[in-house]
């Protein structure tokens, strides 16, 4: 009988040990294959530069207010130029009225390529501010 009990204990221990080391009854489930090639999202686009507020012309313009204006903003203030020349990357607009002349030099902005006034030059007698306002008053007559 001792032999029978020993045999049963040995069989139970063998069964417990073999249950721990035996492979699972079902094979492991692998994830389904991908539906197609993996597509990465494009990098986010940089924010465009903020739009400048619309130019509202004060009663009296001062020459310093010309710097940074776009060509559209300049035409809104002074009308079309009497002459336009292109020199390398610069565009020069010239306005004339009586004994007063104004040259505006436009260069493109780096980020947007919008042409903006970088410098200006007045010629003639009198003050630059008076000349500028005289030209503005004459804007409907093609700057001549």
C-alpha atoms as a PDB file:
ATOM      1  CA  UNK A   1       0.000   0.000   0.000  1.00  0.00           C
ATOM      2  CA  UNK A   2       2.817   2.372   0.710  1.00  0.00           C
ATOM      3  CA  UNK A   3       4.026   1.696  -2.758  1.00  0.00           C
ATOM      4  CA  UNK A   4       0.624   2.561  -4.181  1.00  0.00           C
ATOM      5  CA  UNK A   5       0.470   5.862  -2.198  1.00  0.00           C
ATOM      6  CA  UNK A   6       4.001   6.764  -3.241  1.00  0.00           C
ATOM      7  CA  UNK A   7       3.130   6.008  -6.809  1.00  0.00           C
ATOM      8  CA  UNK A   8       0.020   8.228  -6.647  1.00  0.00           C
ATOM      9  CA  UNK A   9       1.971  11.060  -5.019  1.00  0.00           C
ATOM     10  CA  UNK A  10       4.680  10.769  -7.671  1.00  0.00           C
ATOM     11  CA  UNK A  11       2.074  10.779 -10.469  1.00  0.00           C
ATOM     12  CA  UNK A  12       0.355  13.836  -9.004  1.00  0.00           C
ATOM     13  CA  UNK A  13       3.657  15.692  -8.686  1.00  0.00           C
ATOM     14  CA  UNK A  14       4.664  14.725 -12.215  1.00  0.00           C
ATOM     15  CA  UNK A  15       1.307  15.955 -13.529  1.00  0.00           C
ATOM     16  CA  UNK A  16       1.671  19.265 -11.690  1.00  0.00           C
ATOM     17  CA  UNK A  17       5.202  19.768 -12.988  1.00  0.00           C
ATOM     18  CA  UNK A  18       4.325  18.820 -16.544  1.00  0.00           C
ATOM     19  CA  UNK A  19       1.292  21.138 -16.514  1.00  0.00           C
ATOM     20  CA  UNK A  20       3.603  24.070 -15.721  1.00  0.00           C
ATOM     21  CA  UNK A  21       6.056  23.293 -18.494  1.00  0.00           C
ATOM     22  CA  UNK A  22       3.663  22.158 -21.215  1.00  0.00           C
ATOM     23  CA  UNK A  23       2.908  24.510 -24.128  1.00  0.00           C
ATOM     24  CA  UNK A  24      -0.505  26.176 -24.116  1.00  0.00           C
ATOM     25  CA  UNK A  25      -3.274  24.275 -25.752  1.00  0.00           C
ATOM     26  CA  UNK A  26      -3.988  27.183 -28.217  1.00  0.00           C
ATOM     27  CA  UNK A  27      -1.333  28.927 -30.331  1.00  0.00           C
ATOM     28  CA  UNK A  28      -0.832  32.623 -29.495  1.00  0.00           C
ATOM     29  CA  UNK A  29      -2.878  35.037 -31.573  1.00  0.00           C
ATOM     30  CA  UNK A  30      -0.759  37.414 -33.646  1.00  0.00           C
ATOM     31  CA  UNK A  31      -2.034  40.909 -34.495  1.00  0.00           C
ATOM     32  CA  UNK A  32      -3.643  41.265 -37.923  1.00  0.00           C
ATOM     33  CA  UNK A  33      -1.367  42.524 -40.704  1.00  0.00           C
ATOM     34  CA  UNK A  34      -1.459  46.270 -41.448  1.00  0.00           C
ATOM     35  CA  UNK A  35      -4.051  47.371 -43.999  1.00  0.00           C
ATOM     36  CA  UNK A  36      -1.469  49.179 -46.148  1.00  0.00           C
ATOM     37  CA  UNK A  37       1.706  51.217 -45.964  1.00  0.00           C
ATOM     38  CA  UNK A  38       2.087  53.438 -42.915  1.00  0.00           C
ATOM     39  CA  UNK A  39       1.554  57.060 -43.920  1.00  0.00           C
ATOM     40  CA  UNK A  40       3.096  59.734 -41.755  1.00  0.00           C
ATOM     41  CA  UNK A  41       1.274  63.024 -41.321  1.00  0.00           C
ATOM     42  CA  UNK A  42       3.063  65.962 -42.936  1.00  0.00           C
ATOM     43  CA  UNK A  43       4.787  68.373 -40.560  1.00  0.00           C
ATOM     44  CA  UNK A  44       2.608  71.304 -39.490  1.00  0.00           C
ATOM     45  CA  UNK A  45       2.821  74.379 -41.698  1.00  0.00           C
ATOM     46  CA  UNK A  46       4.278  77.517 -40.182  1.00  0.00           C
ATOM     47  CA  UNK A  47       1.811  80.236 -39.318  1.00  0.00           C
ATOM     48  CA  UNK A  48       1.616  82.945 -41.973  1.00  0.00           C
ATOM     49  CA  UNK A  49       2.760  86.360 -40.850  1.00  0.00           C
ATOM     50  CA  UNK A  50       0.045  88.402 -39.223  1.00  0.00           C
ATOM     51  CA  UNK A  51      -1.744  90.717 -41.623  1.00  0.00           C
ATOM     52  CA  UNK A  52      -1.003  94.349 -41.117  1.00  0.00           C
ATOM     53  CA  UNK A  53      -3.980  96.503 -40.229  1.00  0.00           C
ATOM     54  CA  UNK A  54      -5.422  98.542 -43.066  1.00  0.00           C
ATOM     55  CA  UNK A  55      -3.803 101.920 -43.513  1.00  0.00           C
ATOM     56  CA  UNK A  56      -6.045 104.786 -42.587  1.00  0.00           C
ATOM     57  CA  UNK A  57      -4.649 108.070 -43.750  1.00  0.00           C
ATOM     58  CA  UNK A  58      -4.434 110.743 -41.085  1.00  0.00           C
ATOM     59  CA  UNK A  59      -5.263 114.327 -42.001  1.00  0.00           C
ATOM     60  CA  UNK A  60      -1.556 115.109 -42.364  1.00  0.00           C
ATOM     61  CA  UNK A  61       0.922 112.446 -43.410  1.00  0.00           C
ATOM     62  CA  UNK A  62       4.487 112.483 -42.158  1.00  0.00           C
ATOM     63  CA  UNK A  63       7.311 111.026 -44.266  1.00  0.00           C
ATOM     64  CA  UNK A  64       8.194 108.459 -41.565  1.00  0.00           C
ATOM     65  CA  UNK A  65       4.754 106.867 -42.088  1.00  0.00           C
ATOM     66  CA  UNK A  66       5.780 105.755 -45.595  1.00  0.00           C
ATOM     67  CA  UNK A  67       8.383 103.237 -44.396  1.00  0.00           C
ATOM     68  CA  UNK A  68       6.992  99.689 -44.414  1.00  0.00           C
ATOM     69  CA  UNK A  69       3.973 100.376 -46.632  1.00  0.00           C
ATOM     70  CA  UNK A  70       3.162  97.819 -49.328  1.00  0.00           C
ATOM     71  CA  UNK A  71       2.611  98.895 -52.916  1.00  0.00           C
ATOM     72  CA  UNK A  72      -1.172  98.525 -52.490  1.00  0.00           C
ATOM     73  CA  UNK A  73      -1.137 100.618 -49.314  1.00  0.00           C
ATOM     74  CA  UNK A  74       0.988 103.250 -51.031  1.00  0.00           C
ATOM     75  CA  UNK A  75      -1.386 103.453 -53.987  1.00  0.00           C
ATOM     76  CA  UNK A  76      -4.317 103.813 -51.597  1.00  0.00           C
ATOM     77  CA  UNK A  77      -2.595 106.842 -50.022  1.00  0.00           C
ATOM     78  CA  UNK A  78      -0.914 108.488 -53.007  1.00  0.00           C
ATOM     79  CA  UNK A  79      -2.508 106.974 -56.107  1.00  0.00           C
ATOM     80  CA  UNK A  80      -0.529 105.459 -58.967  1.00  0.00           C
ATOM     81  CA  UNK A  81       3.046 106.697 -59.436  1.00  0.00           C
ATOM     82  CA  UNK A  82       4.053 109.016 -62.271  1.00  0.00           C
ATOM     83  CA  UNK A  83       7.002 106.710 -63.045  1.00  0.00           C
ATOM     84  CA  UNK A  84       8.172 103.234 -62.054  1.00  0.00           C
ATOM     85  CA  UNK A  85      11.644 101.752 -62.500  1.00  0.00           C
ATOM     86  CA  UNK A  86      13.110  98.401 -61.488  1.00  0.00           C
ATOM     87  CA  UNK A  87      16.712  98.228 -60.272  1.00  0.00           C
ATOM     88  CA  UNK A  88      17.886  94.706 -59.339  1.00  0.00           C
ATOM     89  CA  UNK A  89      15.532  93.641 -56.520  1.00  0.00           C
ATOM     90  CA  UNK A  90      14.288  97.179 -55.852  1.00  0.00           C
ATOM     91  CA  UNK A  91      11.321  98.913 -57.432  1.00  0.00           C
ATOM     92  CA  UNK A  92      11.318 102.725 -57.415  1.00  0.00           C
ATOM     93  CA  UNK A  93       8.098 104.704 -57.687  1.00  0.00           C
ATOM     94  CA  UNK A  94       8.290 108.410 -58.392  1.00  0.00           C
ATOM     95  CA  UNK A  95       5.560 110.952 -57.694  1.00  0.00           C
ATOM     96  CA  UNK A  96       5.696 114.562 -59.004  1.00  0.00           C
ATOM     97  CA  UNK A  97       3.487 117.567 -58.482  1.00  0.00           C
ATOM     98  CA  UNK A  98       4.565 121.128 -59.124  1.00  0.00           C
ATOM     99  CA  UNK A  99       8.009 121.685 -57.598  1.00  0.00           C
ATOM    100  CA  UNK A 100       7.739 118.587 -55.424  1.00  0.00           C
ATOM    101  CA  UNK A 101       8.989 115.052 -56.187  1.00  0.00           C
ATOM    102  CA  UNK A 102       8.996 111.906 -54.066  1.00  0.00           C
ATOM    103  CA  UNK A 103      10.863 108.673 -54.807  1.00  0.00           C
ATOM    104  CA  UNK A 104       9.868 105.529 -52.893  1.00  0.00           C
ATOM    105  CA  UNK A 105      12.186 102.500 -52.942  1.00  0.00           C
ATOM    106  CA  UNK A 106      10.423  99.137 -52.467  1.00  0.00           C
ATOM    107  CA  UNK A 107      12.201  95.913 -51.534  1.00  0.00           C
ATOM    108  CA  UNK A 108      10.605  92.460 -51.035  1.00  0.00           C
ATOM    109  CA  UNK A 109      10.099  91.158 -47.496  1.00  0.00           C
ATOM    110  CA  UNK A 110      12.065  87.970 -46.837  1.00  0.00           C
ATOM    111  CA  UNK A 111       9.165  85.860 -45.506  1.00  0.00           C
ATOM    112  CA  UNK A 112       6.374  86.988 -47.818  1.00  0.00           C
ATOM    113  CA  UNK A 113       8.099  88.600 -50.845  1.00  0.00           C
ATOM    114  CA  UNK A 114       5.663  91.524 -50.484  1.00  0.00           C
ATOM    115  CA  UNK A 115       7.270  94.709 -51.777  1.00  0.00           C
ATOM    116  CA  UNK A 116       7.478  97.327 -48.995  1.00  0.00           C
ATOM    117  CA  UNK A 117       8.905 100.852 -48.791  1.00  0.00           C
ATOM    118  CA  UNK A 118      12.406 100.659 -47.423  1.00  0.00           C
ATOM    119  CA  UNK A 119      13.453 104.255 -48.088  1.00  0.00           C
ATOM    120  CA  UNK A 120      12.194 107.476 -49.608  1.00  0.00           C
ATOM    121  CA  UNK A 121      13.650 110.717 -50.948  1.00  0.00           C
ATOM    122  CA  UNK A 122      12.044 114.128 -51.431  1.00  0.00           C
ATOM    123  CA  UNK A 123      13.289 116.676 -53.958  1.00  0.00           C
ATOM    124  CA  UNK A 124      12.208 120.230 -54.408  1.00  0.00           C
ATOM    125  CA  UNK A 125      11.659 123.277 -52.311  1.00  0.00           C
ATOM    126  CA  UNK A 126       9.735 123.237 -49.069  1.00  0.00           C
ATOM    127  CA  UNK A 127       9.246 120.750 -46.291  1.00  0.00           C
ATOM    128  CA  UNK A 128       8.956 117.027 -46.933  1.00  0.00           C
ATOM    129  CA  UNK A 129       5.667 116.751 -44.986  1.00  0.00           C
ATOM    130  CA  UNK A 130       4.072 119.569 -47.013  1.00  0.00           C
ATOM    131  CA  UNK A 131       5.257 117.942 -50.247  1.00  0.00           C
ATOM    132  CA  UNK A 132       3.881 114.553 -49.183  1.00  0.00           C
ATOM    133  CA  UNK A 133       0.459 115.995 -48.355  1.00  0.00           C
ATOM    134  CA  UNK A 134       0.436 117.951 -51.615  1.00  0.00           C
ATOM    135  CA  UNK A 135       1.091 114.706 -53.504  1.00  0.00           C
ATOM    136  CA  UNK A 136      -1.633 112.928 -51.570  1.00  0.00           C
ATOM    137  CA  UNK A 137      -4.174 115.594 -52.464  1.00  0.00           C
ATOM    138  CA  UNK A 138      -3.278 115.098 -56.133  1.00  0.00           C
ATOM    139  CA  UNK A 139      -3.521 111.261 -56.049  1.00  0.00           C
ATOM    140  CA  UNK A 140      -6.511 111.153 -58.369  1.00  0.00           C
ATOM    141  CA  UNK A 141      -4.539 112.922 -61.109  1.00  0.00           C
ATOM    142  CA  UNK A 142      -1.943 110.121 -61.577  1.00  0.00           C
ATOM    143  CA  UNK A 143       0.644 111.875 -59.409  1.00  0.00           C
ATOM    144  CA  UNK A 144       1.484 114.444 -62.123  1.00  0.00           C
END
